[in-house]
Amino acid sequence: MSKQKFVYVSYIKTTIDVLWKALTSPEFTRKYWLGQSIVCDWKVGSPLKLVKTDGVVVNLGKVLIVEKPKVLSHTWNPQTKEGTSVEAPSRVTFHLEPDEQIVKLTVTHDEFPVNSKVFPQINGGWPVIISSLKSLLETDKPLTGKSSTGTC
């Protein structure tokens, strides 16, 4: 494993329960994740899929940690158009910390293979996804436009 690590922190005006639902509900994720849905039952060991609107699976993972509503962790394994892994899986962890009317969301993406091809992509992708999530929860509108087409 490489020592590459991506950390992104956002403060969102919402409740911890609403943020948890936004992270774990396919209907919610579709709204802020560029039309893609995260499909999972959120039990440790269960599979996770990031699915495009046309049904194509662009990412596979496995749930590692579920400590509702504070910690959620899973592997991250982007897929090619042919359905094969781009590289060995990495890990994504969400930490939620409530503070009165806001929730501090920390996204940590780590455990990348050496010379990862995915690491540079997620550096542009996660800020767009989390900013769109924040916008959706605070204004009821996700981000739109050219800047909202990042990849994770």
N, C-alpha and C. Protein backbone atom coordinates (compact mmCIF):
# COMPACT_ATOMS: atom_id res chain seq x y z
N MET A 1 0.83 -1.19 0.00
CA MET A 1 0.00 0.00 0.00
C MET A 1 0.87 1.25 0.00
N SER A 2 0.39 2.26 -0.68
CA SER A 2 1.12 3.52 -0.71
C SER A 2 0.69 4.39 0.47
N LYS A 3 1.41 5.46 0.69
CA LYS A 3 1.07 6.37 1.79
C LYS A 3 0.19 7.51 1.31
N GLN A 4 -0.27 7.43 0.06
CA GLN A 4 -1.16 8.47 -0.45
C GLN A 4 -2.46 8.45 0.35
N LYS A 5 -2.91 9.66 0.67
CA LYS A 5 -4.13 9.78 1.46
C LYS A 5 -4.83 11.06 1.07
N PHE A 6 -6.13 10.97 0.88
CA PHE A 6 -6.95 12.14 0.57
C PHE A 6 -7.89 12.36 1.75
N VAL A 7 -7.93 13.59 2.25
CA VAL A 7 -8.84 13.95 3.35
C VAL A 7 -9.59 15.20 2.94
N TYR A 8 -10.90 15.17 3.09
CA TYR A 8 -11.74 16.32 2.77
C TYR A 8 -12.72 16.54 3.92
N VAL A 9 -12.79 17.78 4.40
CA VAL A 9 -13.68 18.11 5.51
C VAL A 9 -14.70 19.13 5.03
N SER A 10 -15.96 18.90 5.39
CA SER A 10 -17.02 19.84 5.05
C SER A 10 -17.94 19.99 6.26
N TYR A 11 -18.41 21.20 6.47
CA TYR A 11 -19.37 21.48 7.54
C TYR A 11 -20.72 21.71 6.87
N ILE A 12 -21.69 20.88 7.24
CA ILE A 12 -22.98 20.90 6.55
C ILE A 12 -24.09 21.23 7.54
N LYS A 13 -24.93 22.19 7.16
CA LYS A 13 -26.06 22.56 8.01
C LYS A 13 -27.17 21.53 7.81
N THR A 14 -27.17 20.54 8.68
CA THR A 14 -28.14 19.45 8.63
C THR A 14 -28.06 18.69 9.95
N THR A 15 -28.80 17.62 10.06
CA THR A 15 -28.69 16.76 11.24
C THR A 15 -27.86 15.54 10.87
N ILE A 16 -27.32 14.88 11.87
CA ILE A 16 -26.51 13.70 11.62
C ILE A 16 -27.35 12.58 10.98
N ASP A 17 -28.62 12.48 11.36
CA ASP A 17 -29.48 11.44 10.79
C ASP A 17 -29.77 11.68 9.31
N VAL A 18 -30.01 12.94 8.94
CA VAL A 18 -30.25 13.26 7.54
C VAL A 18 -28.99 13.02 6.71
N LEU A 19 -27.84 13.41 7.24
CA LEU A 19 -26.58 13.19 6.52
C LEU A 19 -26.32 11.69 6.35
N TRP A 20 -26.56 10.91 7.40
CA TRP A 20 -26.38 9.46 7.30
C TRP A 20 -27.26 8.89 6.19
N LYS A 21 -28.52 9.32 6.16
CA LYS A 21 -29.44 8.84 5.13
C LYS A 21 -28.95 9.25 3.74
N ALA A 22 -28.42 10.47 3.63
CA ALA A 22 -27.91 10.95 2.34
C ALA A 22 -26.74 10.11 1.86
N LEU A 23 -25.93 9.62 2.77
CA LEU A 23 -24.77 8.80 2.41
C LEU A 23 -25.14 7.36 2.09
N THR A 24 -26.26 6.88 2.62
CA THR A 24 -26.57 5.45 2.53
C THR A 24 -27.80 5.10 1.69
N SER A 25 -28.55 6.08 1.24
CA SER A 25 -29.78 5.81 0.48
C SER A 25 -29.54 5.97 -1.02
N PRO A 26 -29.87 4.95 -1.83
CA PRO A 26 -29.70 5.08 -3.29
C PRO A 26 -30.48 6.26 -3.87
N GLU A 27 -31.67 6.50 -3.35
CA GLU A 27 -32.49 7.61 -3.85
C GLU A 27 -31.81 8.95 -3.58
N PHE A 28 -31.18 9.07 -2.41
CA PHE A 28 -30.47 10.30 -2.04
C PHE A 28 -29.18 10.43 -2.85
N THR A 29 -28.38 9.36 -2.93
CA THR A 29 -27.09 9.46 -3.62
C THR A 29 -27.27 9.83 -5.08
N ARG A 30 -28.32 9.34 -5.71
CA ARG A 30 -28.58 9.65 -7.11
C ARG A 30 -28.71 11.16 -7.33
N LYS A 31 -29.21 11.87 -6.33
CA LYS A 31 -29.44 13.32 -6.46
C LYS A 31 -28.14 14.12 -6.48
N TYR A 32 -27.14 13.70 -5.73
CA TYR A 32 -25.92 14.50 -5.65
C TYR A 32 -24.69 13.81 -6.25
N TRP A 33 -24.78 12.57 -6.63
CA TRP A 33 -23.63 11.83 -7.15
C TRP A 33 -23.70 11.74 -8.68
N LEU A 34 -23.97 12.86 -9.32
CA LEU A 34 -23.95 12.96 -10.78
C LEU A 34 -24.88 11.94 -11.43
N GLY A 35 -26.01 11.67 -10.79
CA GLY A 35 -26.99 10.73 -11.33
C GLY A 35 -26.71 9.27 -11.04
N GLN A 36 -25.62 8.99 -10.36
CA GLN A 36 -25.28 7.61 -10.01
C GLN A 36 -25.84 7.28 -8.62
N SER A 37 -26.07 6.01 -8.37
CA SER A 37 -26.61 5.57 -7.08
C SER A 37 -25.65 4.61 -6.41
N ILE A 38 -25.53 4.74 -5.10
CA ILE A 38 -24.81 3.73 -4.32
C ILE A 38 -25.84 2.74 -3.83
N VAL A 39 -25.65 1.49 -4.20
CA VAL A 39 -26.59 0.43 -3.85
C VAL A 39 -25.90 -0.52 -2.88
N CYS A 40 -26.48 -0.64 -1.68
CA CYS A 40 -25.87 -1.45 -0.63
C CYS A 40 -26.86 -1.62 0.51
N ASP A 41 -26.75 -2.72 1.26
CA ASP A 41 -27.60 -2.89 2.45
C ASP A 41 -26.91 -2.39 3.72
N TRP A 42 -25.66 -1.95 3.60
CA TRP A 42 -24.87 -1.35 4.68
C TRP A 42 -24.71 -2.26 5.88
N LYS A 43 -24.45 -3.52 5.62
CA LYS A 43 -24.06 -4.47 6.66
C LYS A 43 -22.59 -4.80 6.43
N VAL A 44 -21.83 -4.93 7.51
CA VAL A 44 -20.40 -5.24 7.38
C VAL A 44 -20.22 -6.51 6.56
N GLY A 45 -19.35 -6.42 5.56
CA GLY A 45 -19.09 -7.55 4.67
C GLY A 45 -19.93 -7.55 3.40
N SER A 46 -20.97 -6.72 3.37
CA SER A 46 -21.86 -6.69 2.20
C SER A 46 -21.21 -5.99 1.02
N PRO A 47 -21.64 -6.36 -0.20
CA PRO A 47 -21.14 -5.67 -1.39
C PRO A 47 -21.77 -4.29 -1.54
N LEU A 48 -21.04 -3.43 -2.22
CA LEU A 48 -21.48 -2.07 -2.52
C LEU A 48 -21.26 -1.86 -4.01
N LYS A 49 -22.22 -1.18 -4.66
CA LYS A 49 -22.08 -0.87 -6.09
C LYS A 49 -22.40 0.60 -6.31
N LEU A 50 -21.62 1.25 -7.16
CA LEU A 50 -21.94 2.58 -7.65
C LEU A 50 -22.43 2.37 -9.07
N VAL A 51 -23.72 2.68 -9.31
CA VAL A 51 -24.38 2.32 -10.55
C VAL A 51 -24.85 3.57 -11.30
N LYS A 52 -24.51 3.63 -12.59
CA LYS A 52 -24.97 4.72 -13.44
C LYS A 52 -26.45 4.53 -13.77
N THR A 53 -27.08 5.57 -14.30
CA THR A 53 -28.51 5.49 -14.62
C THR A 53 -28.82 4.42 -15.66
N ASP A 54 -27.85 4.08 -16.51
CA ASP A 54 -28.07 3.04 -17.52
C ASP A 54 -27.80 1.63 -16.99
N GLY A 55 -27.51 1.52 -15.69
CA GLY A 55 -27.28 0.22 -15.07
C GLY A 55 -25.84 -0.25 -15.05
N VAL A 56 -24.95 0.49 -15.68
CA VAL A 56 -23.53 0.12 -15.70
C VAL A 56 -22.92 0.34 -14.32
N VAL A 57 -22.23 -0.67 -13.82
CA VAL A 57 -21.56 -0.58 -12.52
C VAL A 57 -20.18 0.04 -12.74
N VAL A 58 -19.93 1.19 -12.09
CA VAL A 58 -18.65 1.88 -12.26
C VAL A 58 -17.71 1.69 -11.08
N ASN A 59 -18.25 1.17 -9.99
CA ASN A 59 -17.41 0.94 -8.81
C ASN A 59 -18.00 -0.19 -7.98
N LEU A 60 -17.12 -1.02 -7.46
CA LEU A 60 -17.52 -2.09 -6.54
C LEU A 60 -16.80 -1.87 -5.22
N GLY A 61 -17.39 -2.33 -4.16
CA GLY A 61 -16.75 -2.24 -2.86
C GLY A 61 -17.32 -3.25 -1.90
N LYS A 62 -16.78 -3.23 -0.70
CA LYS A 62 -17.25 -4.10 0.37
C LYS A 62 -17.32 -3.25 1.63
N VAL A 63 -18.40 -3.37 2.38
CA VAL A 63 -18.58 -2.59 3.60
C VAL A 63 -17.63 -3.12 4.67
N LEU A 64 -16.87 -2.20 5.27
CA LEU A 64 -15.90 -2.56 6.31
C LEU A 64 -16.38 -2.21 7.71
N ILE A 65 -16.94 -1.01 7.88
CA ILE A 65 -17.36 -0.53 9.20
C ILE A 65 -18.69 0.20 9.06
N VAL A 66 -19.63 -0.10 9.96
CA VAL A 66 -20.88 0.65 10.07
C VAL A 66 -21.11 0.91 11.55
N GLU A 67 -20.95 2.17 11.95
CA GLU A 67 -21.24 2.60 13.31
C GLU A 67 -22.24 3.74 13.21
N LYS A 68 -23.48 3.38 12.92
CA LYS A 68 -24.54 4.36 12.68
C LYS A 68 -24.75 5.24 13.90
N PRO A 69 -24.81 6.53 13.74
CA PRO A 69 -24.70 7.36 12.54
C PRO A 69 -23.36 8.10 12.45
N LYS A 70 -22.29 7.51 12.94
CA LYS A 70 -21.04 8.27 13.04
C LYS A 70 -19.90 7.84 12.12
N VAL A 71 -19.81 6.55 11.79
CA VAL A 71 -18.69 6.08 10.97
C VAL A 71 -19.20 5.08 9.92
N LEU A 72 -18.72 5.27 8.70
CA LEU A 72 -19.07 4.38 7.61
C LEU A 72 -17.80 4.19 6.78
N SER A 73 -17.43 2.95 6.51
CA SER A 73 -16.21 2.69 5.75
C SER A 73 -16.43 1.53 4.79
N HIS A 74 -15.86 1.66 3.60
CA HIS A 74 -15.97 0.60 2.60
C HIS A 74 -14.78 0.65 1.66
N THR A 75 -14.57 -0.44 0.95
CA THR A 75 -13.51 -0.43 -0.06
C THR A 75 -14.03 0.28 -1.30
N TRP A 76 -13.09 0.67 -2.16
CA TRP A 76 -13.39 1.43 -3.37
C TRP A 76 -12.61 0.78 -4.51
N ASN A 77 -13.33 0.26 -5.49
CA ASN A 77 -12.69 -0.49 -6.56
C ASN A 77 -13.31 -0.12 -7.91
N PRO A 78 -12.84 0.98 -8.55
CA PRO A 78 -13.39 1.39 -9.84
C PRO A 78 -13.26 0.29 -10.89
N GLN A 79 -14.27 0.24 -11.76
CA GLN A 79 -14.34 -0.78 -12.80
C GLN A 79 -14.16 -0.16 -14.18
N THR A 80 -13.58 -0.92 -15.10
CA THR A 80 -13.47 -0.48 -16.49
C THR A 80 -14.82 -0.71 -17.18
N LYS A 81 -14.94 -0.24 -18.40
CA LYS A 81 -16.16 -0.48 -19.18
C LYS A 81 -16.40 -1.97 -19.39
N GLU A 82 -15.32 -2.74 -19.34
CA GLU A 82 -15.43 -4.19 -19.54
C GLU A 82 -15.78 -4.91 -18.23
N GLY A 83 -15.88 -4.17 -17.12
CA GLY A 83 -16.24 -4.78 -15.85
C GLY A 83 -15.09 -5.38 -15.08
N THR A 84 -13.88 -4.95 -15.37
CA THR A 84 -12.73 -5.43 -14.60
C THR A 84 -12.19 -4.30 -13.73
N SER A 85 -11.48 -4.66 -12.68
CA SER A 85 -10.94 -3.67 -11.76
C SER A 85 -9.84 -2.85 -12.41
N VAL A 86 -9.84 -1.56 -12.13
CA VAL A 86 -8.79 -0.67 -12.61
C VAL A 86 -7.49 -0.98 -11.88
N GLU A 87 -7.60 -1.24 -10.58
CA GLU A 87 -6.45 -1.59 -9.73
C GLU A 87 -6.98 -2.20 -8.44
N ALA A 88 -6.10 -2.53 -7.52
CA ALA A 88 -6.52 -3.10 -6.24
C ALA A 88 -7.39 -2.08 -5.49
N PRO A 89 -8.31 -2.55 -4.66
CA PRO A 89 -9.20 -1.63 -3.95
C PRO A 89 -8.47 -0.71 -2.97
N SER A 90 -9.04 0.47 -2.80
CA SER A 90 -8.61 1.41 -1.75
C SER A 90 -9.74 1.47 -0.72
N ARG A 91 -9.64 2.40 0.22
CA ARG A 91 -10.63 2.46 1.31
C ARG A 91 -11.17 3.88 1.45
N VAL A 92 -12.48 3.99 1.66
CA VAL A 92 -13.14 5.27 1.92
C VAL A 92 -13.77 5.19 3.30
N THR A 93 -13.55 6.24 4.11
CA THR A 93 -14.16 6.29 5.44
C THR A 93 -14.82 7.65 5.63
N PHE A 94 -16.06 7.62 6.10
CA PHE A 94 -16.80 8.83 6.42
C PHE A 94 -16.92 8.92 7.94
N HIS A 95 -16.53 10.07 8.50
CA HIS A 95 -16.73 10.35 9.92
C HIS A 95 -17.71 11.51 10.03
N LEU A 96 -18.77 11.31 10.81
CA LEU A 96 -19.78 12.34 11.01
C LEU A 96 -19.74 12.79 12.46
N GLU A 97 -19.60 14.11 12.67
CA GLU A 97 -19.54 14.66 14.02
C GLU A 97 -20.54 15.80 14.15
N PRO A 98 -21.65 15.59 14.90
CA PRO A 98 -22.64 16.66 15.05
C PRO A 98 -22.16 17.75 15.99
N ASP A 99 -22.58 18.98 15.71
CA ASP A 99 -22.27 20.13 16.56
C ASP A 99 -23.40 21.13 16.41
N GLU A 100 -24.38 21.03 17.29
CA GLU A 100 -25.59 21.86 17.27
C GLU A 100 -26.30 21.72 15.93
N GLN A 101 -26.30 22.76 15.08
CA GLN A 101 -27.08 22.71 13.83
C GLN A 101 -26.26 22.30 12.61
N ILE A 102 -25.04 21.87 12.83
CA ILE A 102 -24.21 21.44 11.71
C ILE A 102 -23.61 20.07 11.99
N VAL A 103 -23.12 19.46 10.93
CA VAL A 103 -22.41 18.20 11.07
C VAL A 103 -21.08 18.35 10.33
N LYS A 104 -20.01 17.99 11.01
CA LYS A 104 -18.70 17.96 10.38
C LYS A 104 -18.56 16.61 9.70
N LEU A 105 -18.38 16.63 8.39
CA LEU A 105 -18.18 15.41 7.61
C LEU A 105 -16.73 15.35 7.16
N THR A 106 -16.04 14.30 7.57
CA THR A 106 -14.66 14.09 7.13
C THR A 106 -14.63 12.84 6.26
N VAL A 107 -14.17 13.02 5.03
CA VAL A 107 -14.02 11.90 4.10
C VAL A 107 -12.53 11.61 3.98
N THR A 108 -12.14 10.38 4.30
CA THR A 108 -10.75 9.96 4.16
C THR A 108 -10.71 8.82 3.15
N HIS A 109 -9.89 8.99 2.13
CA HIS A 109 -9.73 7.94 1.11
C HIS A 109 -8.26 7.56 1.12
N ASP A 110 -7.97 6.31 1.49
CA ASP A 110 -6.58 5.88 1.65
C ASP A 110 -6.40 4.42 1.23
N GLU A 111 -5.26 3.87 1.59
CA GLU A 111 -4.89 2.49 1.26
C GLU A 111 -4.85 2.24 -0.25
N PHE A 112 -4.29 3.19 -0.97
CA PHE A 112 -4.13 3.05 -2.41
C PHE A 112 -2.94 2.16 -2.72
N PRO A 113 -2.99 1.41 -3.82
CA PRO A 113 -1.81 0.66 -4.23
C PRO A 113 -0.71 1.64 -4.67
N VAL A 114 0.52 1.19 -4.63
CA VAL A 114 1.64 2.01 -5.09
C VAL A 114 1.41 2.38 -6.56
N ASN A 115 1.74 3.61 -6.92
CA ASN A 115 1.54 4.13 -8.29
C ASN A 115 0.07 4.08 -8.73
N SER A 116 -0.82 4.40 -7.81
CA SER A 116 -2.25 4.36 -8.09
C SER A 116 -2.64 5.27 -9.25
N LYS A 117 -3.49 4.75 -10.12
CA LYS A 117 -4.08 5.54 -11.20
C LYS A 117 -5.35 6.23 -10.71
N VAL A 118 -5.94 5.70 -9.65
CA VAL A 118 -7.20 6.22 -9.13
C VAL A 118 -6.98 7.46 -8.26
N PHE A 119 -5.88 7.50 -7.51
CA PHE A 119 -5.64 8.60 -6.57
C PHE A 119 -5.77 9.98 -7.22
N PRO A 120 -5.16 10.25 -8.36
CA PRO A 120 -5.32 11.58 -8.96
C PRO A 120 -6.78 11.90 -9.33
N GLN A 121 -7.54 10.89 -9.72
CA GLN A 121 -8.94 11.11 -10.10
C GLN A 121 -9.80 11.48 -8.90
N ILE A 122 -9.59 10.80 -7.78
CA ILE A 122 -10.46 11.08 -6.63
C ILE A 122 -10.17 12.46 -6.04
N ASN A 123 -8.97 12.98 -6.26
CA ASN A 123 -8.64 14.32 -5.77
C ASN A 123 -9.53 15.39 -6.40
N GLY A 124 -9.99 15.16 -7.61
CA GLY A 124 -10.92 16.07 -8.25
C GLY A 124 -12.36 15.67 -8.05
N GLY A 125 -12.58 14.38 -7.82
CA GLY A 125 -13.94 13.86 -7.70
C GLY A 125 -14.62 14.12 -6.37
N TRP A 126 -13.93 13.79 -5.27
CA TRP A 126 -14.56 13.93 -3.96
C TRP A 126 -15.00 15.36 -3.64
N PRO A 127 -14.20 16.39 -3.94
CA PRO A 127 -14.68 17.75 -3.65
C PRO A 127 -15.99 18.09 -4.37
N VAL A 128 -16.14 17.62 -5.61
CA VAL A 128 -17.37 17.88 -6.35
C VAL A 128 -18.54 17.13 -5.71
N ILE A 129 -18.35 15.87 -5.40
CA ILE A 129 -19.42 15.05 -4.81
C ILE A 129 -19.85 15.61 -3.46
N ILE A 130 -18.90 15.90 -2.58
CA ILE A 130 -19.25 16.39 -1.24
C ILE A 130 -19.84 17.80 -1.31
N SER A 131 -19.35 18.63 -2.21
CA SER A 131 -19.93 19.97 -2.38
C SER A 131 -21.37 19.87 -2.89
N SER A 132 -21.62 18.93 -3.80
CA SER A 132 -22.97 18.71 -4.30
C SER A 132 -23.89 18.20 -3.19
N LEU A 133 -23.37 17.30 -2.35
CA LEU A 133 -24.12 16.80 -1.19
C LEU A 133 -24.46 17.96 -0.26
N LYS A 134 -23.49 18.79 0.06
CA LYS A 134 -23.71 19.95 0.95
C LYS A 134 -24.77 20.88 0.36
N SER A 135 -24.65 21.17 -0.93
CA SER A 135 -25.62 22.03 -1.59
C SER A 135 -27.02 21.44 -1.53
N LEU A 136 -27.13 20.14 -1.80
CA LEU A 136 -28.44 19.47 -1.75
C LEU A 136 -29.06 19.57 -0.37
N LEU A 137 -28.28 19.28 0.66
CA LEU A 137 -28.83 19.28 2.02
C LEU A 137 -29.16 20.68 2.53
N GLU A 138 -28.42 21.68 2.08
CA GLU A 138 -28.64 23.04 2.58
C GLU A 138 -29.61 23.86 1.72
N THR A 139 -29.72 23.54 0.43
CA THR A 139 -30.57 24.35 -0.46
C THR A 139 -31.61 23.52 -1.20
N ASP A 140 -31.56 22.22 -1.04
CA ASP A 140 -32.43 21.28 -1.75
C ASP A 140 -32.10 21.19 -3.24
N LYS A 141 -30.88 21.68 -3.62
CA LYS A 141 -30.46 21.60 -5.02
C LYS A 141 -29.01 21.14 -5.07
N PRO A 142 -28.73 20.05 -5.80
CA PRO A 142 -27.33 19.63 -5.96
C PRO A 142 -26.62 20.56 -6.94
N LEU A 143 -25.32 20.45 -7.04
CA LEU A 143 -24.57 21.24 -8.01
C LEU A 143 -24.90 20.77 -9.42
N THR A 144 -24.86 21.70 -10.34
CA THR A 144 -25.03 21.39 -11.76
C THR A 144 -24.00 22.18 -12.54
N GLY A 145 -23.78 21.81 -13.78
CA GLY A 145 -22.84 22.54 -14.61
C GLY A 145 -21.58 21.76 -14.87
N LYS A 146 -20.68 22.36 -15.63
CA LYS A 146 -19.45 21.68 -16.04
C LYS A 146 -18.58 21.27 -14.86
N SER A 147 -18.55 22.08 -13.80
CA SER A 147 -17.69 21.74 -12.66
C SER A 147 -18.22 20.57 -11.86
N SER A 148 -19.46 20.15 -12.12
CA SER A 148 -20.04 19.04 -11.36
C SER A 148 -19.89 17.71 -12.09
N THR A 149 -18.93 17.63 -13.00
CA THR A 149 -18.74 16.38 -13.73
C THR A 149 -17.46 15.68 -13.34
N GLY A 150 -16.97 15.94 -12.14
CA GLY A 150 -15.76 15.27 -11.66
C GLY A 150 -15.98 13.77 -11.51
N THR A 151 -14.89 13.05 -11.39
CA THR A 151 -15.00 11.61 -11.23
C THR A 151 -14.37 11.19 -9.92
N CYS A 152 -14.92 10.18 -9.36
CA CYS A 152 -14.36 9.59 -8.14
C CYS A 152 -14.00 8.17 -8.44
